Every structure is written in structure tokens, then in C-alpha cells.
């Protein structure tokens, strides 16, 4: 004797839930693959940008381009903090720099009274192939162009 509440294996509801689970699994797999492809592309772009950064450092040293002690700005933009970094600013607003160590730095830090006294530690970032991508119009530029412009500006940068 079978119970009326038991559903046979061919019941449309159980088949639908199996299909739904399979569809969800496919969607998860597709999303994971898209994320992996994005990570691969970002890694390749960072590697290409790192080559530009290394060439910049070599050229800056060959031209005896003076370095400066880099400072990080607060996120509010009102204060700057000492860092242990030495290098070259890339933008006149002093938000991006290349260290003498050949790393790319985004020079920002949260506001802090302690930071005013002791300074901040800024960690290197993966260099982007396009600096400012996704920002306002006119603010994005290929890193190769930005680095070339910085070399061209010479020792008077930033004015």
C-alpha cells in the first residue's frame, strides 16, 4: 500500500527541483569561470604594467631624476602623512607614485592623529594598465603615457 503523500520519481515537482538544482550549478560554474577569466586578465594587465614601471625606474635612474620622500594623503585630502618610501610622484596631486623599489603606490591613508606623529605604512599595489579607469572623463590614461609624461617633466615635477 502506498501513501498518497509519497511522490513517484517521475513527479513533475521533483523533476523540476532536479532541473533547478542542475541549472543553479551551471550558473555557479559559469560565474566562477567568468571570475577566473577576469582574474587572469587582471593579472596579465598588471604584469604588462609592471614592465612599464620597471622601464620607468631604469630610465629615471639613468637620467638621474631626483627622488623625494613620499607622503600619503588622508582620504579627506586635508592632511598628508610621512612614509618610509622614497620615489617619484606620478601625478601633480601626489596621489600615485613609483618607489625606488620599483613598486606602484596609491598614496592614501585613513585620517589619524597617530599617523600625524608616526607616519603611515603604504603597501604597494598592482599597477593598472589604465590609470584612473572607471573614473571621471579625462582622468584615465594608459600607464605608459603617464610614466612617459613624468619622465618628460624631469626634475621640476611636481611644480
N, C-alpha and C. Protein backbone atom coordinates (compact mmCIF):
# COMPACT_ATOMS: atom_id res chain seq x y z
N UNK A 1 0.82 -1.17 0.00
CA UNK A 1 0.00 0.00 0.00
C UNK A 1 0.87 1.24 0.00
N UNK A 2 0.52 2.15 -0.83
CA UNK A 2 1.31 3.38 -0.87
C UNK A 2 0.53 4.51 -0.25
N UNK A 3 1.28 5.40 0.32
CA UNK A 3 0.70 6.59 0.94
C UNK A 3 0.45 7.62 -0.16
N UNK A 4 -0.65 8.34 -0.07
CA UNK A 4 -0.98 9.33 -1.08
C UNK A 4 0.03 10.48 -1.10
N UNK A 5 0.74 10.69 0.02
CA UNK A 5 1.71 11.79 0.08
C UNK A 5 3.04 11.43 -0.57
N UNK A 6 3.28 10.13 -0.80
CA UNK A 6 4.51 9.74 -1.48
C UNK A 6 4.41 10.18 -2.94
N UNK A 7 5.52 10.75 -3.45
CA UNK A 7 5.51 11.21 -4.84
C UNK A 7 6.37 10.27 -5.66
N UNK A 8 5.87 9.84 -6.79
CA UNK A 8 6.67 8.98 -7.65
C UNK A 8 7.86 9.76 -8.21
N UNK A 9 8.89 9.05 -8.63
CA UNK A 9 10.12 9.68 -9.14
C UNK A 9 9.85 10.52 -10.38
N UNK A 10 8.79 10.20 -11.10
CA UNK A 10 8.52 10.95 -12.32
C UNK A 10 7.62 12.16 -12.06
N UNK A 11 7.39 12.46 -10.81
CA UNK A 11 6.55 13.60 -10.45
C UNK A 11 7.17 14.88 -11.01
N UNK A 12 6.39 15.74 -11.66
CA UNK A 12 6.93 16.98 -12.25
C UNK A 12 7.60 17.89 -11.21
N UNK A 13 7.10 17.89 -9.99
CA UNK A 13 7.71 18.76 -8.99
C UNK A 13 9.12 18.30 -8.64
N UNK A 14 9.35 17.00 -8.46
CA UNK A 14 10.69 16.52 -8.13
C UNK A 14 11.62 16.66 -9.33
N UNK A 15 11.11 16.48 -10.53
CA UNK A 15 11.91 16.66 -11.73
C UNK A 15 12.29 18.13 -11.87
N UNK A 16 11.35 19.01 -11.58
CA UNK A 16 11.61 20.45 -11.65
C UNK A 16 12.67 20.87 -10.67
N UNK A 17 12.66 20.32 -9.47
CA UNK A 17 13.67 20.70 -8.48
C UNK A 17 15.04 20.17 -8.89
N UNK A 18 15.09 19.00 -9.52
CA UNK A 18 16.36 18.46 -10.01
C UNK A 18 16.90 19.34 -11.14
N UNK A 19 16.02 19.74 -12.05
CA UNK A 19 16.44 20.62 -13.14
C UNK A 19 16.88 21.97 -12.59
N UNK A 20 16.17 22.46 -11.59
CA UNK A 20 16.51 23.74 -10.98
C UNK A 20 17.89 23.66 -10.32
N UNK A 21 18.16 22.58 -9.63
CA UNK A 21 19.47 22.41 -8.99
C UNK A 21 20.58 22.32 -10.04
N UNK A 22 20.31 21.62 -11.13
CA UNK A 22 21.30 21.50 -12.20
C UNK A 22 21.54 22.87 -12.84
N UNK A 23 20.45 23.62 -13.06
CA UNK A 23 20.59 24.95 -13.65
C UNK A 23 21.40 25.86 -12.72
N UNK A 24 21.12 25.81 -11.42
CA UNK A 24 21.86 26.62 -10.45
C UNK A 24 23.34 26.25 -10.44
N UNK A 25 23.61 24.97 -10.52
CA UNK A 25 25.01 24.51 -10.56
C UNK A 25 25.72 25.04 -11.80
N UNK A 26 25.04 24.99 -12.96
CA UNK A 26 25.63 25.52 -14.19
C UNK A 26 25.89 27.01 -14.06
N UNK A 27 24.98 27.74 -13.47
CA UNK A 27 25.14 29.18 -13.30
C UNK A 27 26.33 29.47 -12.38
N UNK A 28 26.46 28.71 -11.29
CA UNK A 28 27.60 28.88 -10.37
C UNK A 28 28.92 28.60 -11.09
N UNK A 29 28.94 27.53 -11.88
CA UNK A 29 30.16 27.19 -12.63
C UNK A 29 30.50 28.28 -13.64
N UNK A 30 29.49 28.80 -14.33
CA UNK A 30 29.72 29.86 -15.31
C UNK A 30 30.23 31.13 -14.62
N UNK A 31 29.66 31.47 -13.48
CA UNK A 31 30.11 32.66 -12.74
C UNK A 31 31.54 32.47 -12.25
N UNK A 32 31.86 31.28 -11.78
CA UNK A 32 33.22 31.01 -11.31
C UNK A 32 34.21 31.12 -12.46
N UNK A 33 33.83 30.63 -13.63
CA UNK A 33 34.72 30.71 -14.80
C UNK A 33 34.91 32.17 -15.24
N UNK A 34 33.83 32.96 -15.22
CA UNK A 34 33.96 34.38 -15.57
C UNK A 34 34.88 35.10 -14.59
N UNK A 35 34.76 34.79 -13.31
CA UNK A 35 35.61 35.39 -12.29
C UNK A 35 37.06 34.98 -12.49
N UNK A 36 37.30 33.72 -12.80
CA UNK A 36 38.66 33.24 -13.05
C UNK A 36 39.24 33.92 -14.29
N UNK A 37 38.44 34.09 -15.33
CA UNK A 37 38.91 34.76 -16.54
C UNK A 37 39.24 36.22 -16.25
N UNK A 38 38.42 36.89 -15.45
CA UNK A 38 38.68 38.27 -15.05
C UNK A 38 39.98 38.36 -14.26
N UNK A 39 40.19 37.43 -13.34
CA UNK A 39 41.44 37.41 -12.55
C UNK A 39 42.65 37.19 -13.46
N UNK A 40 42.52 36.30 -14.43
CA UNK A 40 43.63 36.07 -15.36
C UNK A 40 43.93 37.32 -16.18
N UNK A 41 42.89 38.00 -16.64
CA UNK A 41 43.09 39.22 -17.42
C UNK A 41 43.73 40.31 -16.57
N UNK A 42 43.26 40.48 -15.34
CA UNK A 42 43.84 41.50 -14.45
C UNK A 42 45.30 41.19 -14.15
N UNK A 43 45.61 39.93 -13.94
CA UNK A 43 47.00 39.54 -13.68
C UNK A 43 47.88 39.83 -14.89
N UNK A 44 47.39 39.52 -16.07
CA UNK A 44 48.16 39.78 -17.29
C UNK A 44 48.36 41.28 -17.49
N UNK A 45 47.33 42.07 -17.23
CA UNK A 45 47.45 43.52 -17.36
C UNK A 45 48.43 44.08 -16.33
N UNK A 46 48.38 43.58 -15.10
CA UNK A 46 49.31 44.04 -14.07
C UNK A 46 50.74 43.68 -14.42
N UNK A 47 50.94 42.50 -14.99
CA UNK A 47 52.29 42.09 -15.39
C UNK A 47 52.81 43.00 -16.50
N UNK A 48 51.94 43.35 -17.45
CA UNK A 48 52.34 44.25 -18.53
C UNK A 48 52.64 45.64 -17.97
N UNK A 49 51.80 46.13 -17.05
CA UNK A 49 52.02 47.44 -16.43
C UNK A 49 53.30 47.43 -15.60
N UNK A 50 53.59 46.30 -14.93
CA UNK A 50 54.81 46.20 -14.12
C UNK A 50 56.06 46.33 -15.00
N UNK A 51 55.98 45.85 -16.23
CA UNK A 51 57.09 46.01 -17.17
C UNK A 51 57.33 47.49 -17.47
N UNK A 52 56.23 48.24 -17.65
CA UNK A 52 56.34 49.69 -17.88
C UNK A 52 56.96 50.38 -16.66
N UNK A 53 56.55 49.95 -15.46
CA UNK A 53 57.08 50.54 -14.23
C UNK A 53 58.58 50.26 -14.12
N UNK A 54 58.98 49.04 -14.39
CA UNK A 54 60.41 48.68 -14.32
C UNK A 54 61.22 49.51 -15.31
N UNK A 55 60.69 49.69 -16.51
CA UNK A 55 61.38 50.51 -17.51
C UNK A 55 61.47 51.96 -17.05
N UNK A 56 60.41 52.46 -16.42
CA UNK A 56 60.42 53.83 -15.89
C UNK A 56 61.52 54.00 -14.86
N UNK A 57 61.62 53.06 -13.92
CA UNK A 57 62.63 53.15 -12.86
C UNK A 57 64.02 53.15 -13.47
N UNK A 58 64.26 52.29 -14.45
CA UNK A 58 65.57 52.24 -15.10
C UNK A 58 65.88 53.57 -15.81
N UNK A 59 64.90 54.12 -16.51
CA UNK A 59 65.12 55.38 -17.21
C UNK A 59 65.28 56.55 -16.24
N UNK A 60 64.50 56.55 -15.16
CA UNK A 60 64.61 57.63 -14.17
C UNK A 60 65.99 57.62 -13.53
N UNK A 61 66.50 56.44 -13.24
CA UNK A 61 67.85 56.33 -12.67
C UNK A 61 68.91 56.74 -13.69
N UNK A 62 68.73 56.33 -14.93
CA UNK A 62 69.69 56.68 -15.98
C UNK A 62 69.74 58.19 -16.20
N UNK A 63 68.60 58.86 -16.03
CA UNK A 63 68.54 60.32 -16.20
C UNK A 63 68.87 61.07 -14.91
N UNK A 64 69.19 60.32 -13.85
CA UNK A 64 69.45 60.91 -12.54
C UNK A 64 68.29 61.77 -12.07
N UNK A 65 67.08 61.31 -12.34
CA UNK A 65 65.88 62.01 -11.92
C UNK A 65 65.81 61.95 -10.40
N UNK A 66 65.80 63.10 -9.73
CA UNK A 66 65.85 63.08 -8.28
C UNK A 66 64.58 62.44 -7.68
N UNK A 67 64.79 61.73 -6.60
CA UNK A 67 63.67 61.13 -5.87
C UNK A 67 63.30 62.06 -4.72
N UNK A 68 62.19 61.77 -4.12
CA UNK A 68 61.73 62.55 -2.97
C UNK A 68 61.11 61.61 -1.95
N UNK A 69 61.09 62.03 -0.71
CA UNK A 69 60.40 61.26 0.33
C UNK A 69 58.91 61.39 0.05
N UNK A 70 58.24 60.27 -0.13
CA UNK A 70 56.83 60.28 -0.48
C UNK A 70 55.96 60.45 0.75
N UNK A 71 54.86 61.17 0.58
CA UNK A 71 53.88 61.39 1.64
C UNK A 71 52.54 60.86 1.16
N UNK A 72 51.77 60.31 2.08
CA UNK A 72 50.44 59.80 1.77
C UNK A 72 49.40 60.80 2.24
N UNK A 73 48.40 61.05 1.42
CA UNK A 73 47.34 61.97 1.79
C UNK A 73 46.23 61.25 2.53
N UNK A 74 45.58 61.99 3.41
CA UNK A 74 44.42 61.42 4.10
C UNK A 74 43.30 61.26 3.09
N UNK A 75 42.37 60.39 3.39
CA UNK A 75 41.27 60.15 2.48
C UNK A 75 40.43 61.41 2.29
N UNK A 76 40.40 62.27 3.30
CA UNK A 76 39.66 63.53 3.19
C UNK A 76 40.42 64.54 2.35
N UNK A 77 41.72 64.33 2.16
CA UNK A 77 42.53 65.23 1.37
C UNK A 77 43.06 66.43 2.13
N UNK A 78 42.83 66.50 3.42
CA UNK A 78 43.24 67.67 4.19
C UNK A 78 44.64 67.56 4.78
N UNK A 79 45.11 66.34 5.00
CA UNK A 79 46.37 66.15 5.70
C UNK A 79 47.25 65.19 4.91
N UNK A 80 48.57 65.34 5.06
CA UNK A 80 49.49 64.36 4.50
C UNK A 80 50.31 63.76 5.63
N UNK A 81 50.75 62.54 5.41
CA UNK A 81 51.49 61.80 6.44
C UNK A 81 52.82 61.33 5.88
N UNK A 82 53.82 61.28 6.74
CA UNK A 82 55.12 60.75 6.36
C UNK A 82 55.00 59.27 6.03
N UNK A 83 55.86 58.84 5.12
CA UNK A 83 56.02 57.41 4.85
C UNK A 83 57.52 57.12 4.85
N UNK A 84 57.86 55.87 4.82
CA UNK A 84 59.26 55.48 4.73
C UNK A 84 59.69 55.32 3.27
N UNK A 85 58.81 55.72 2.35
CA UNK A 85 59.05 55.49 0.93
C UNK A 85 59.82 56.63 0.28
N UNK A 86 60.64 56.26 -0.65
CA UNK A 86 61.38 57.20 -1.48
C UNK A 86 61.01 56.87 -2.92
N UNK A 87 60.79 57.90 -3.74
CA UNK A 87 60.44 57.62 -5.12
C UNK A 87 60.05 58.85 -5.89
N UNK A 88 59.20 58.63 -6.89
CA UNK A 88 58.78 59.67 -7.81
C UNK A 88 57.25 59.75 -7.83
N UNK A 89 56.70 60.94 -7.64
CA UNK A 89 55.26 61.13 -7.80
C UNK A 89 54.94 61.06 -9.28
N UNK A 90 53.78 60.50 -9.60
CA UNK A 90 53.36 60.39 -10.99
C UNK A 90 52.34 61.46 -11.38
N UNK A 91 51.59 61.93 -10.41
CA UNK A 91 50.57 62.93 -10.68
C UNK A 91 50.85 64.16 -9.83
N UNK A 92 50.46 65.30 -10.33
CA UNK A 92 50.71 66.55 -9.61
C UNK A 92 49.97 66.60 -8.27
N UNK A 93 48.86 65.89 -8.15
CA UNK A 93 48.14 65.86 -6.87
C UNK A 93 48.77 64.89 -5.87
N UNK A 94 49.85 64.26 -6.27
CA UNK A 94 50.67 63.39 -5.41
C UNK A 94 49.90 62.19 -4.84
N UNK A 95 49.00 61.66 -5.60
CA UNK A 95 48.23 60.50 -5.14
C UNK A 95 48.81 59.18 -5.62
N UNK A 96 49.64 59.21 -6.65
CA UNK A 96 50.25 58.00 -7.19
C UNK A 96 51.75 58.19 -7.27
N UNK A 97 52.49 57.10 -7.05
CA UNK A 97 53.95 57.20 -7.10
C UNK A 97 54.55 55.85 -7.47
N UNK A 98 55.80 55.94 -7.90
CA UNK A 98 56.63 54.76 -8.11
C UNK A 98 57.76 54.87 -7.10
N UNK A 99 57.94 53.83 -6.31
CA UNK A 99 59.03 53.81 -5.34
C UNK A 99 60.34 53.42 -5.99
N UNK A 100 61.45 53.78 -5.34
CA UNK A 100 62.76 53.37 -5.87
C UNK A 100 62.88 51.85 -5.86
N UNK A 101 62.00 51.18 -5.11
CA UNK A 101 61.97 49.73 -5.08
C UNK A 101 61.27 49.14 -6.30
N UNK A 102 60.75 50.01 -7.18
CA UNK A 102 60.09 49.55 -8.40
C UNK A 102 58.63 49.19 -8.21
N UNK A 103 58.05 49.55 -7.09
CA UNK A 103 56.64 49.25 -6.85
C UNK A 103 55.77 50.47 -7.13
N UNK A 104 54.50 50.20 -7.41
CA UNK A 104 53.49 51.21 -7.67
C UNK A 104 52.74 51.45 -6.37
N UNK A 105 52.54 52.72 -6.01
CA UNK A 105 51.88 53.06 -4.75
C UNK A 105 50.71 54.00 -4.97
N UNK A 106 49.62 53.72 -4.31
CA UNK A 106 48.49 54.64 -4.20
C UNK A 106 48.66 55.29 -2.84
N UNK A 107 48.92 56.58 -2.82
CA UNK A 107 49.33 57.28 -1.61
C UNK A 107 48.13 57.87 -0.87
N UNK A 108 47.40 57.00 -0.20
CA UNK A 108 46.27 57.44 0.62
C UNK A 108 46.24 56.63 1.90
N UNK A 109 45.70 57.26 2.94
CA UNK A 109 45.63 56.61 4.24
C UNK A 109 44.45 57.20 5.01
N UNK A 110 43.86 56.44 5.91
CA UNK A 110 42.78 56.99 6.73
C UNK A 110 43.32 58.07 7.67
N UNK A 111 42.50 59.05 7.95
CA UNK A 111 42.89 60.12 8.86
C UNK A 111 43.15 59.55 10.25
N UNK A 112 44.22 60.03 10.88
CA UNK A 112 44.58 59.51 12.19
C UNK A 112 45.52 60.47 12.90
N UNK A 113 45.26 60.72 14.16
CA UNK A 113 46.16 61.55 14.95
C UNK A 113 47.50 60.86 15.12
N UNK A 114 47.48 59.57 15.35
CA UNK A 114 48.72 58.80 15.49
C UNK A 114 49.55 58.89 14.22
N UNK A 115 48.89 58.83 13.06
CA UNK A 115 49.60 58.90 11.79
C UNK A 115 50.30 60.25 11.63
N UNK A 116 49.72 61.30 12.18
CA UNK A 116 50.38 62.61 12.11
C UNK A 116 51.72 62.59 12.83
N UNK A 117 51.79 61.79 13.88
CA UNK A 117 53.01 61.74 14.68
C UNK A 117 54.01 60.70 14.19
N UNK A 118 53.51 59.55 13.79
CA UNK A 118 54.40 58.44 13.46
C UNK A 118 54.52 58.15 11.98
N UNK A 119 53.63 58.70 11.18
CA UNK A 119 53.60 58.39 9.76
C UNK A 119 52.75 57.16 9.48
N UNK A 120 52.71 56.76 8.24
CA UNK A 120 51.89 55.62 7.84
C UNK A 120 52.72 54.65 6.99
N UNK A 121 52.25 53.43 6.95
CA UNK A 121 52.84 52.42 6.08
C UNK A 121 51.92 52.28 4.88
N UNK A 122 52.46 52.48 3.71
CA UNK A 122 51.70 52.33 2.47
C UNK A 122 52.24 51.10 1.76
N UNK A 123 51.35 50.18 1.45
CA UNK A 123 51.75 48.94 0.80
C UNK A 123 51.66 49.10 -0.72
N UNK A 124 52.51 48.42 -1.45
CA UNK A 124 52.45 48.51 -2.92
C UNK A 124 51.15 47.92 -3.44
N UNK A 125 50.74 48.42 -4.59
CA UNK A 125 49.54 47.93 -5.28
C UNK A 125 49.96 47.37 -6.63
N UNK A 126 49.14 46.50 -7.17
CA UNK A 126 49.39 46.03 -8.54
C UNK A 126 49.16 47.22 -9.46
N UNK A 127 50.10 47.51 -10.33
CA UNK A 127 49.90 48.65 -11.23
C UNK A 127 48.82 48.34 -12.27
N UNK A 128 47.96 49.31 -12.54
CA UNK A 128 46.94 49.09 -13.57
C UNK A 128 47.51 49.45 -14.94
N UNK A 129 46.98 48.85 -15.96
CA UNK A 129 47.39 49.19 -17.31
C UNK A 129 46.82 50.56 -17.70
N UNK A 130 45.62 50.84 -17.22
CA UNK A 130 44.97 52.14 -17.43
C UNK A 130 44.77 52.77 -16.06
N UNK A 131 45.48 53.87 -15.80
CA UNK A 131 45.37 54.56 -14.51
C UNK A 131 44.10 55.40 -14.54
N UNK A 132 43.28 55.26 -13.51
CA UNK A 132 42.05 56.03 -13.40
C UNK A 132 40.89 55.45 -14.18
N UNK A 133 41.01 54.22 -14.65
CA UNK A 133 39.92 53.60 -15.40
C UNK A 133 38.68 53.55 -14.52
N UNK A 134 37.56 53.92 -15.10
CA UNK A 134 36.31 53.92 -14.35
C UNK A 134 36.07 55.25 -13.64
N UNK A 135 37.02 56.16 -13.72
CA UNK A 135 36.86 57.46 -13.09
C UNK A 135 36.14 58.43 -14.02
N UNK A 136 36.21 59.69 -13.67
CA UNK A 136 35.55 60.71 -14.48
C UNK A 136 36.25 60.84 -15.83
N UNK A 137 35.52 61.40 -16.79
CA UNK A 137 36.08 61.60 -18.13
C UNK A 137 37.35 62.42 -18.05
N UNK A 138 38.33 62.02 -18.81
CA UNK A 138 39.59 62.76 -18.87
C UNK A 138 40.56 62.40 -17.76
N UNK A 139 40.16 61.53 -16.84
CA UNK A 139 41.06 61.18 -15.74
C UNK A 139 41.75 59.84 -15.94
N UNK A 140 41.39 59.11 -16.98
CA UNK A 140 42.06 57.84 -17.22
C UNK A 140 43.14 58.02 -18.28
N UNK A 141 44.21 57.26 -18.10
CA UNK A 141 45.34 57.37 -19.01
C UNK A 141 46.13 56.06 -18.94
N UNK A 142 46.61 55.59 -20.09
CA UNK A 142 47.47 54.41 -20.05
C UNK A 142 48.71 54.69 -19.20
N UNK A 143 49.11 53.71 -18.42
CA UNK A 143 50.25 53.92 -17.52
C UNK A 143 51.51 54.26 -18.30
N UNK A 144 51.66 53.71 -19.50
CA UNK A 144 52.85 54.01 -20.31
C UNK A 144 52.92 55.51 -20.62
N UNK A 145 51.77 56.11 -20.94
CA UNK A 145 51.73 57.55 -21.22
C UNK A 145 52.01 58.37 -19.97
N UNK A 146 51.45 57.96 -18.85
CA UNK A 146 51.66 58.67 -17.58
C UNK A 146 53.14 58.63 -17.19
N UNK A 147 53.76 57.49 -17.32
CA UNK A 147 55.17 57.36 -16.98
C UNK A 147 56.06 58.16 -17.94
N UNK A 148 55.71 58.14 -19.22
CA UNK A 148 56.48 58.93 -20.20
C UNK A 148 56.35 60.42 -19.90
N UNK A 149 55.15 60.86 -19.54
CA UNK A 149 54.95 62.27 -19.21
C UNK A 149 55.74 62.65 -17.97
N UNK A 150 55.81 61.74 -17.01
CA UNK A 150 56.57 62.03 -15.79
C UNK A 150 58.06 62.13 -16.10
N UNK A 151 58.57 61.25 -16.93
CA UNK A 151 59.98 61.34 -17.33
C UNK A 151 60.25 62.65 -18.08
N UNK A 152 59.33 63.02 -18.96
CA UNK A 152 59.48 64.24 -19.74
C UNK A 152 59.47 65.48 -18.84
N UNK A 153 58.71 65.45 -17.75
CA UNK A 153 58.62 66.60 -16.85
C UNK A 153 59.94 66.85 -16.13
N UNK A 154 60.74 65.82 -15.99
CA UNK A 154 62.06 65.97 -15.38
C UNK A 154 62.05 66.32 -13.91
N UNK A 155 63.09 66.99 -13.45
CA UNK A 155 63.25 67.26 -12.02
C UNK A 155 62.32 68.32 -11.46
N UNK A 156 61.65 69.08 -12.31
CA UNK A 156 60.76 70.14 -11.83
C UNK A 156 59.37 69.64 -11.45
N UNK A 157 59.18 68.36 -11.40
CA UNK A 157 57.86 67.79 -11.12
C UNK A 157 57.77 67.40 -9.67
N UNK A 158 56.69 67.57 -8.97
CA UNK A 158 55.61 68.48 -9.31
C UNK A 158 56.00 69.92 -9.05
N UNK A 159 55.42 70.79 -9.84
CA UNK A 159 55.78 72.21 -9.76
C UNK A 159 55.26 72.83 -8.48
